[in-house]
Amino acid sequence: MAEHLSQSELDYPFKLLEYFNGFRVSKVIFSACELGVFDLLLKSHEALSAQRVAQELGTSVDGMERLLDALVGIEILEVEREKGTLYSSTDVANLYLAKGSAKSLHDMIVYQSQTIYPLWNNMADAVREGRNQYEKTFGLPSDDVFQAIYSEEEMLKFMGLMNSSWVLDGHDVVTAFDLSRFQRIVDLGCTGALANEIVKAYPASNVTVFDLPEVIAAAQRHFCLEDNRVAFQSDFFRGEIPTADLYVLARIVHDWSEEKCLALLKRIYETCKPGGVLLVEALLFENRRGPLMVQIFSLNMLVQAEGRERSPSEYINMLNKSGFCNVQVCRTGKSYDAILAIR
C-alpha cells in the first residue's frame, strides 16, 4: 500500500481518516432526508434559520443547527450570515434529495439507511461466514434471500431503491446499444421504471415486466405507469418465461450464485428464438483493481444476498456456457454497465 501513498500521507493519514469517517458523512445525508430537511427547504423558497427548521420538523434547535452545518460542510446546503444565520438548498439537493423532484433519490437513501446500513454493521461476520446477514441483523431467514427482501415493508423500500436507480441510470443503460430492432421485450424484475425508460427510448417497442406475483401486485399499486406499452406479468422462477425478442436482466444476475444464473440464462436462451438478452450490471475491471464502487457493491452482495459483482469476462463466460456466442460489452461511465448477448 505504501508505494501508492504520497509522503504527506505517510506523515499524516488524511485519506485514511477520510475513509474512517465516511459512514458519518453518509449518516448526515440519511438523517437529513429522513427528517425532511431537503423537502422543507425546497418548499420554503427562502433561506431558513436553524430555529425555524427545527420548529417545522419537531427537532431540537441545537441538534438541527449541527446537522445543517455539517450539510454546509459537505456542500449540500448553503449558508448566509448577513441577516443572521440562514440555510438554503443547493441545486443538487433540490434535484436529488427532495422527495418531489422527478430525479429524487429519496427512496434510495431510505433503503440505504434503514436496510443496507444495519446489514453492514455485521460485515465482519459476513466475511467470516461467507453468507448474508439478514438473520443476525433483522431476525429474518438468511437461506431465502428474497423472502427477506420481499417482506411487505422491506419490499416497498427495495422497490423504491430500484425505481430511483433506473430514473437516474435507466436511459444510459437502455441506449448503450441500439435496441430498436427488438419490439417485444421482457424486463425480468421490479417496478417498471426501467421498462418506462425503454419505451421512451424506443417508441415502437412493447415491454412486459415479469416478476414474482407479490412484486407485480405492489408495483401496480405503488409504482403505476400510464404508458400502455408497459404490461405486468408473473413470475420468472416458477412460471414459463413469455416469448420475446429481448430479455432484460437488470441487477438480477449479480444476486445469485453462478449455478442459478446459468439455469436462468439457459432458460432464456432456449426461449429467445431468435433474440437476445441485455444484462445491466456494475462491472469490475479485469485486473480486480476497481472500480471502488463496484467492489463495494460486491461486498454488499455478500452481506445481503448470495451473489457477487463480476468482470466482463466472467459474464461473457456465463453467457457462452448458456449458449450465447455474440456478446458485446459497453461501459457507460455511470453506476451501471450493459452487456448485450445475441443468440
Protein backbone atom coordinates (compact mmCIF):
# COMPACT_ATOMS: atom_id res chain seq x y z
CA MET A 1 0.00 0.00 0.00
CA ALA A 2 2.84 2.38 0.90
CA GLU A 3 4.04 2.82 -2.67
CA HIS A 4 0.69 4.38 -3.59
CA LEU A 5 0.78 6.98 -0.83
CA SER A 6 2.47 10.36 -1.07
CA GLN A 7 5.00 11.33 1.60
CA SER A 8 2.44 13.70 3.10
CA GLU A 9 0.01 10.80 3.60
CA LEU A 10 2.74 8.86 5.39
CA ASP A 11 3.41 11.84 7.61
CA TYR A 12 -0.28 12.25 8.43
CA PRO A 13 -3.03 9.83 7.19
CA PHE A 14 -5.54 12.32 5.74
CA LYS A 15 -7.00 9.82 3.27
CA LEU A 16 -7.37 7.06 5.84
CA LEU A 17 -9.09 9.43 8.25
CA GLU A 18 -11.46 10.48 5.45
CA TYR A 19 -12.32 6.83 4.87
CA PHE A 20 -12.79 6.18 8.59
CA ASN A 21 -15.35 8.97 8.77
CA GLY A 22 -17.17 8.10 5.55
CA PHE A 23 -20.00 6.36 7.40
CA ARG A 24 -20.64 9.54 9.38
CA VAL A 25 -20.98 11.61 6.19
CA SER A 26 -23.50 9.08 4.88
CA LYS A 27 -25.49 9.29 8.09
CA VAL A 28 -25.60 13.10 7.88
CA ILE A 29 -27.34 12.83 4.49
CA PHE A 30 -29.53 9.90 5.55
CA SER A 31 -30.71 11.70 8.70
CA ALA A 32 -31.48 14.94 6.85
CA CYS A 33 -33.57 13.03 4.33
CA GLU A 34 -35.47 11.07 6.96
CA LEU A 35 -36.18 14.24 8.96
CA GLY A 36 -37.44 16.09 5.88
CA VAL A 37 -34.81 18.85 5.77
CA PHE A 38 -34.49 18.97 1.99
CA ASP A 39 -38.25 18.90 1.39
CA LEU A 40 -38.78 21.79 3.80
CA LEU A 41 -36.04 23.95 2.26
CA LEU A 42 -37.30 23.28 -1.26
CA LYS A 43 -40.88 24.24 -0.37
CA SER A 44 -39.91 27.33 1.61
CA HIS A 45 -38.47 29.21 -1.41
CA GLU A 46 -36.32 31.16 1.05
CA ALA A 47 -33.38 30.62 3.37
CA LEU A 48 -34.38 29.48 6.88
CA SER A 49 -32.78 29.68 10.30
CA ALA A 50 -31.93 26.54 12.27
CA GLN A 51 -34.61 27.59 14.77
CA ARG A 52 -37.26 27.70 12.05
CA VAL A 53 -36.20 24.37 10.54
CA ALA A 54 -36.20 22.76 13.99
CA GLN A 55 -39.66 24.16 14.75
CA GLU A 56 -41.14 22.97 11.47
CA LEU A 57 -39.64 19.47 11.76
CA GLY A 58 -40.07 19.00 15.50
CA THR A 59 -36.40 18.63 16.43
CA SER A 60 -34.06 20.23 18.92
CA VAL A 61 -32.55 23.53 17.77
CA ASP A 62 -29.04 22.53 18.83
CA GLY A 63 -29.16 19.21 17.01
CA MET A 64 -30.62 20.73 13.86
CA GLU A 65 -28.04 23.52 13.79
CA ARG A 66 -25.22 20.96 13.96
CA LEU A 67 -26.82 18.86 11.22
CA LEU A 68 -27.31 21.88 8.93
CA ASP A 69 -23.71 22.99 9.50
CA ALA A 70 -22.46 19.53 8.53
CA LEU A 71 -24.58 19.66 5.36
CA VAL A 72 -22.96 23.00 4.55
CA GLY A 73 -19.57 21.42 5.17
CA ILE A 74 -20.19 18.71 2.57
CA GLU A 75 -21.57 21.38 0.19
CA ILE A 76 -25.13 20.07 0.04
CA LEU A 77 -26.57 23.19 1.68
CA GLU A 78 -25.54 26.85 1.56
CA VAL A 79 -25.38 29.31 4.46
CA GLU A 80 -25.58 33.11 4.57
CA ARG A 81 -24.79 35.26 7.59
CA GLU A 82 -25.75 38.81 6.60
CA LYS A 83 -29.07 38.81 8.50
CA GLY A 84 -28.50 36.07 11.00
CA THR A 85 -27.53 32.52 10.06
CA LEU A 86 -29.83 31.25 7.29
CA TYR A 87 -29.67 27.96 5.38
CA SER A 88 -30.83 27.14 1.85
CA SER A 89 -30.64 24.20 -0.55
CA THR A 90 -28.24 23.82 -3.44
CA ASP A 91 -29.50 22.81 -6.88
CA VAL A 92 -28.10 19.31 -6.28
CA ALA A 93 -30.10 18.93 -3.06
CA ASN A 94 -33.30 20.14 -4.74
CA LEU A 95 -32.83 17.79 -7.70
CA TYR A 96 -31.75 14.59 -5.97
CA LEU A 97 -32.58 14.77 -2.26
CA ALA A 98 -36.06 16.32 -2.07
CA LYS A 99 -38.96 13.87 -2.45
CA GLY A 100 -40.84 15.91 -5.01
CA SER A 101 -38.15 16.00 -7.72
CA ALA A 102 -38.50 13.85 -10.83
CA LYS A 103 -34.94 12.63 -10.18
CA SER A 104 -35.30 12.21 -6.44
CA LEU A 105 -33.05 9.61 -4.80
CA HIS A 106 -35.01 9.81 -1.55
CA ASP A 107 -36.22 6.19 -1.74
CA MET A 108 -32.67 5.02 -2.43
CA ILE A 109 -31.43 6.91 0.62
CA VAL A 110 -34.14 5.48 2.88
CA TYR A 111 -33.21 1.95 1.79
CA GLN A 112 -29.50 2.60 2.28
CA SER A 113 -30.14 4.00 5.76
CA GLN A 114 -32.71 1.54 7.06
CA THR A 115 -31.59 -1.71 5.40
CA ILE A 116 -28.07 -1.56 3.98
CA TYR A 117 -26.52 0.40 6.85
CA PRO A 118 -27.64 -2.04 9.59
CA LEU A 119 -26.55 -5.02 7.47
CA TRP A 120 -23.07 -3.55 7.06
CA ASN A 121 -22.70 -3.43 10.85
CA ASN A 122 -22.28 -7.20 10.50
CA MET A 123 -19.79 -7.13 7.61
CA ALA A 124 -17.05 -8.86 9.60
CA ASP A 125 -19.44 -11.77 10.29
CA ALA A 126 -20.41 -11.89 6.60
CA VAL A 127 -16.74 -12.18 5.60
CA ARG A 128 -16.10 -14.73 8.36
CA GLU A 129 -19.11 -16.90 7.49
CA GLY A 130 -19.35 -16.27 3.74
CA ARG A 131 -23.09 -15.61 3.81
CA ASN A 132 -25.64 -12.81 4.12
CA GLN A 133 -26.55 -11.31 7.47
CA TYR A 134 -30.33 -10.89 7.32
CA GLU A 135 -30.98 -13.24 10.23
CA LYS A 136 -28.44 -11.60 12.53
CA THR A 137 -29.49 -8.06 11.54
CA PHE A 138 -33.27 -8.31 11.23
CA GLY A 139 -34.20 -11.77 12.53
CA LEU A 140 -35.25 -12.84 9.02
CA PRO A 141 -34.17 -16.16 7.44
CA SER A 142 -30.87 -15.96 5.55
CA ASP A 143 -31.40 -19.06 3.41
CA ASP A 144 -34.10 -17.49 1.23
CA VAL A 145 -32.77 -14.06 0.25
CA PHE A 146 -35.87 -12.72 -1.41
CA GLN A 147 -38.20 -13.98 1.29
CA ALA A 148 -36.34 -11.48 3.47
CA ILE A 149 -36.12 -8.71 0.87
CA TYR A 150 -39.75 -9.11 -0.18
CA SER A 151 -41.40 -8.99 3.21
CA GLU A 152 -44.17 -6.37 2.86
CA GLU A 153 -42.44 -3.29 4.28
CA GLU A 154 -38.98 -4.26 3.05
CA MET A 155 -40.27 -4.95 -0.46
CA LEU A 156 -41.59 -1.42 -0.90
CA LYS A 157 -38.30 0.07 0.28
CA PHE A 158 -36.36 -2.22 -2.09
CA MET A 159 -38.62 -1.34 -5.00
CA GLY A 160 -38.18 2.34 -4.20
CA LEU A 161 -34.42 1.82 -4.38
CA MET A 162 -34.68 0.17 -7.79
CA ASN A 163 -37.06 2.83 -9.04
CA SER A 164 -34.58 5.55 -8.03
CA SER A 165 -31.74 3.66 -9.72
CA TRP A 166 -33.46 3.48 -13.09
CA VAL A 167 -34.76 7.04 -13.01
CA LEU A 168 -31.11 8.02 -12.60
CA ASP A 169 -29.30 5.48 -14.80
CA GLY A 170 -32.02 3.91 -16.92
CA HIS A 171 -31.59 6.00 -20.08
CA ASP A 172 -27.83 5.35 -20.21
CA VAL A 173 -28.13 1.57 -19.97
CA VAL A 174 -31.02 1.16 -22.42
CA THR A 175 -29.25 3.32 -25.02
CA ALA A 176 -25.81 1.72 -24.53
CA PHE A 177 -26.73 -0.38 -27.58
CA ASP A 178 -29.26 0.28 -30.34
CA LEU A 179 -32.22 -1.85 -29.24
CA SER A 180 -34.66 -0.55 -31.85
CA ARG A 181 -34.74 -3.92 -33.66
CA PHE A 182 -36.32 -5.56 -30.59
CA GLN A 183 -40.05 -4.87 -30.45
CA ARG A 184 -41.19 -7.45 -27.91
CA ILE A 185 -39.15 -7.00 -24.74
CA VAL A 186 -39.44 -8.71 -21.36
CA ASP A 187 -37.95 -6.95 -18.32
CA LEU A 188 -37.30 -9.61 -15.70
CA GLY A 189 -37.68 -7.68 -12.48
CA CYS A 190 -39.07 -4.92 -10.29
CA THR A 191 -41.07 -1.71 -10.58
CA GLY A 192 -41.31 -0.99 -14.30
CA ALA A 193 -39.10 2.12 -14.11
CA LEU A 194 -36.53 0.61 -16.49
CA ALA A 195 -39.32 -0.57 -18.79
CA ASN A 196 -40.55 3.01 -18.89
CA GLU A 197 -37.08 4.17 -19.99
CA ILE A 198 -37.08 1.51 -22.73
CA VAL A 199 -40.37 2.61 -24.28
CA LYS A 200 -39.31 6.26 -24.09
CA ALA A 201 -36.09 5.47 -25.97
CA TYR A 202 -37.75 3.02 -28.41
CA PRO A 203 -41.37 4.08 -29.04
CA ALA A 204 -42.09 1.08 -31.29
CA SER A 205 -41.31 -1.40 -28.50
CA ASN A 206 -43.64 -3.07 -26.02
CA VAL A 207 -42.33 -4.22 -22.65
CA THR A 208 -43.68 -6.83 -20.27
CA VAL A 209 -42.40 -6.58 -16.67
CA PHE A 210 -42.08 -10.11 -15.31
CA ASP A 211 -41.51 -10.84 -11.60
CA LEU A 212 -42.88 -12.59 -8.54
CA PRO A 213 -46.67 -12.22 -8.08
CA GLU A 214 -46.40 -10.15 -4.89
CA VAL A 215 -43.84 -7.85 -6.53
CA ILE A 216 -46.02 -7.28 -9.58
CA ALA A 217 -49.02 -6.51 -7.36
CA ALA A 218 -47.02 -3.98 -5.33
CA ALA A 219 -45.55 -2.40 -8.48
CA GLN A 220 -49.02 -1.87 -9.90
CA ARG A 221 -50.30 -0.38 -6.63
CA HIS A 222 -47.38 1.89 -5.77
CA PHE A 223 -45.42 2.49 -8.98
CA CYS A 224 -48.18 2.70 -11.53
CA LEU A 225 -47.19 3.54 -15.13
CA GLU A 226 -49.58 5.24 -17.50
CA ASP A 227 -47.87 4.01 -20.68
CA ASN A 228 -49.94 1.18 -22.19
CA ARG A 229 -46.81 -0.19 -23.89
CA VAL A 230 -45.71 -1.49 -20.47
CA ALA A 231 -47.54 -4.54 -19.10
CA PHE A 232 -47.04 -6.71 -15.98
CA GLN A 233 -46.90 -10.49 -15.65
CA SER A 234 -45.59 -13.01 -13.07
CA ASP A 235 -43.34 -14.88 -12.29
CA PHE A 236 -39.97 -15.81 -13.78
CA PHE A 237 -38.68 -18.50 -11.41
CA ARG A 238 -41.76 -20.70 -11.10
CA GLY A 239 -43.62 -19.90 -14.32
CA GLU A 240 -42.89 -20.03 -18.02
CA ILE A 241 -40.92 -17.13 -19.45
CA PRO A 242 -43.02 -15.39 -22.12
CA THR A 243 -41.74 -15.27 -25.69
CA ALA A 244 -39.87 -12.08 -26.59
CA ASP A 245 -37.21 -10.66 -28.90
CA LEU A 246 -35.12 -9.35 -25.99
CA TYR A 247 -34.91 -10.19 -22.30
CA VAL A 248 -33.60 -7.57 -19.87
CA LEU A 249 -31.93 -8.71 -16.65
CA ALA A 250 -31.13 -5.52 -14.75
CA ARG A 251 -29.31 -6.06 -11.46
CA ILE A 252 -30.61 -9.63 -11.35
CA VAL A 253 -27.62 -11.85 -12.20
CA HIS A 254 -25.43 -10.30 -9.51
CA ASP A 255 -27.86 -11.51 -6.82
CA TRP A 256 -27.28 -15.20 -7.44
CA SER A 257 -24.67 -17.94 -7.49
CA GLU A 258 -23.26 -18.90 -10.89
CA GLU A 259 -25.28 -22.13 -10.81
CA LYS A 260 -28.59 -20.27 -10.51
CA CYS A 261 -27.52 -17.65 -13.05
CA LEU A 262 -26.67 -20.34 -15.60
CA ALA A 263 -30.03 -22.05 -15.07
CA LEU A 264 -31.90 -18.79 -15.75
CA LEU A 265 -29.73 -17.79 -18.73
CA LYS A 266 -30.14 -21.23 -20.30
CA ARG A 267 -33.94 -20.93 -19.97
CA ILE A 268 -33.76 -17.56 -21.69
CA TYR A 269 -31.52 -18.94 -24.45
CA GLU A 270 -33.99 -21.73 -25.15
CA THR A 271 -36.91 -19.29 -25.23
CA CYS A 272 -35.49 -16.50 -27.43
CA LYS A 273 -35.60 -17.92 -30.96
CA PRO A 274 -34.18 -15.68 -32.31
CA GLY A 275 -33.39 -12.86 -29.91
CA GLY A 276 -31.06 -11.91 -27.12
CA VAL A 277 -30.54 -10.79 -23.54
CA LEU A 278 -29.42 -7.45 -22.12
CA LEU A 279 -27.60 -7.67 -18.79
CA VAL A 280 -27.35 -4.48 -16.75
CA GLU A 281 -24.71 -4.78 -14.05
CA ALA A 282 -21.85 -2.89 -12.41
CA LEU A 283 -18.68 -4.33 -13.95
CA LEU A 284 -15.39 -4.93 -12.21
CA PHE A 285 -12.13 -4.25 -14.01
CA GLU A 286 -10.46 -7.40 -15.29
CA ASN A 287 -7.42 -6.73 -13.07
CA ARG A 288 -9.70 -6.53 -9.98
CA ARG A 289 -8.32 -3.09 -9.05
CA GLY A 290 -11.66 -1.33 -9.27
CA PRO A 291 -13.89 0.48 -9.74
CA LEU A 292 -14.09 1.01 -5.99
CA MET A 293 -17.86 1.43 -6.01
CA VAL A 294 -18.30 -1.91 -7.79
CA GLN A 295 -16.01 -3.61 -5.26
CA ILE A 296 -18.22 -2.14 -2.53
CA PHE A 297 -21.33 -3.38 -4.38
CA SER A 298 -19.76 -6.85 -4.40
CA LEU A 299 -19.29 -6.74 -0.63
CA ASN A 300 -22.92 -5.69 -0.39
CA MET A 301 -23.92 -8.83 -2.30
CA LEU A 302 -22.06 -10.84 0.35
CA VAL A 303 -23.79 -9.17 3.29
CA GLN A 304 -27.24 -9.02 1.66
CA ALA A 305 -27.65 -11.73 -0.99
CA GLU A 306 -25.78 -14.76 -2.34
CA GLY A 307 -24.17 -13.37 -5.49
CA ARG A 308 -21.30 -11.05 -6.38
CA GLU A 309 -20.24 -8.43 -8.90
CA ARG A 310 -18.23 -9.79 -11.82
CA SER A 311 -15.86 -8.70 -14.56
CA PRO A 312 -16.90 -8.60 -18.25
CA SER A 313 -15.03 -11.85 -18.97
CA GLU A 314 -16.92 -13.64 -16.18
CA TYR A 315 -20.28 -12.56 -17.60
CA ILE A 316 -19.18 -13.46 -21.12
CA ASN A 317 -18.13 -16.90 -19.87
CA MET A 318 -21.55 -17.47 -18.27
CA LEU A 319 -23.34 -16.32 -21.41
CA ASN A 320 -21.18 -18.58 -23.58
CA LYS A 321 -21.93 -21.55 -21.30
CA SER A 322 -25.62 -20.74 -21.70
CA GLY A 323 -25.35 -20.85 -25.50
CA PHE A 324 -24.93 -17.15 -26.37
CA CYS A 325 -21.93 -16.56 -28.65
CA ASN A 326 -22.32 -12.99 -29.93
CA VAL A 327 -21.62 -10.88 -26.81
CA GLN A 328 -20.85 -7.14 -26.63
CA VAL A 329 -19.90 -5.08 -23.56
CA CYS A 330 -20.45 -1.35 -23.05
CA ARG A 331 -19.19 0.61 -20.07
CA THR A 332 -21.45 3.64 -19.63
CA GLY A 333 -19.17 5.59 -17.30
CA LYS A 334 -22.02 5.73 -14.77
CA SER A 335 -23.07 3.36 -11.98
CA TYR A 336 -24.20 0.53 -14.26
CA ASP A 337 -22.92 -1.00 -17.49
CA ALA A 338 -24.54 -3.08 -20.23
CA ILE A 339 -23.86 -6.42 -21.88
CA LEU A 340 -25.82 -7.46 -24.98
CA ALA A 341 -25.81 -11.14 -25.99
CA ILE A 342 -27.50 -12.35 -29.16
CA ARG A 343 -28.45 -15.93 -29.89
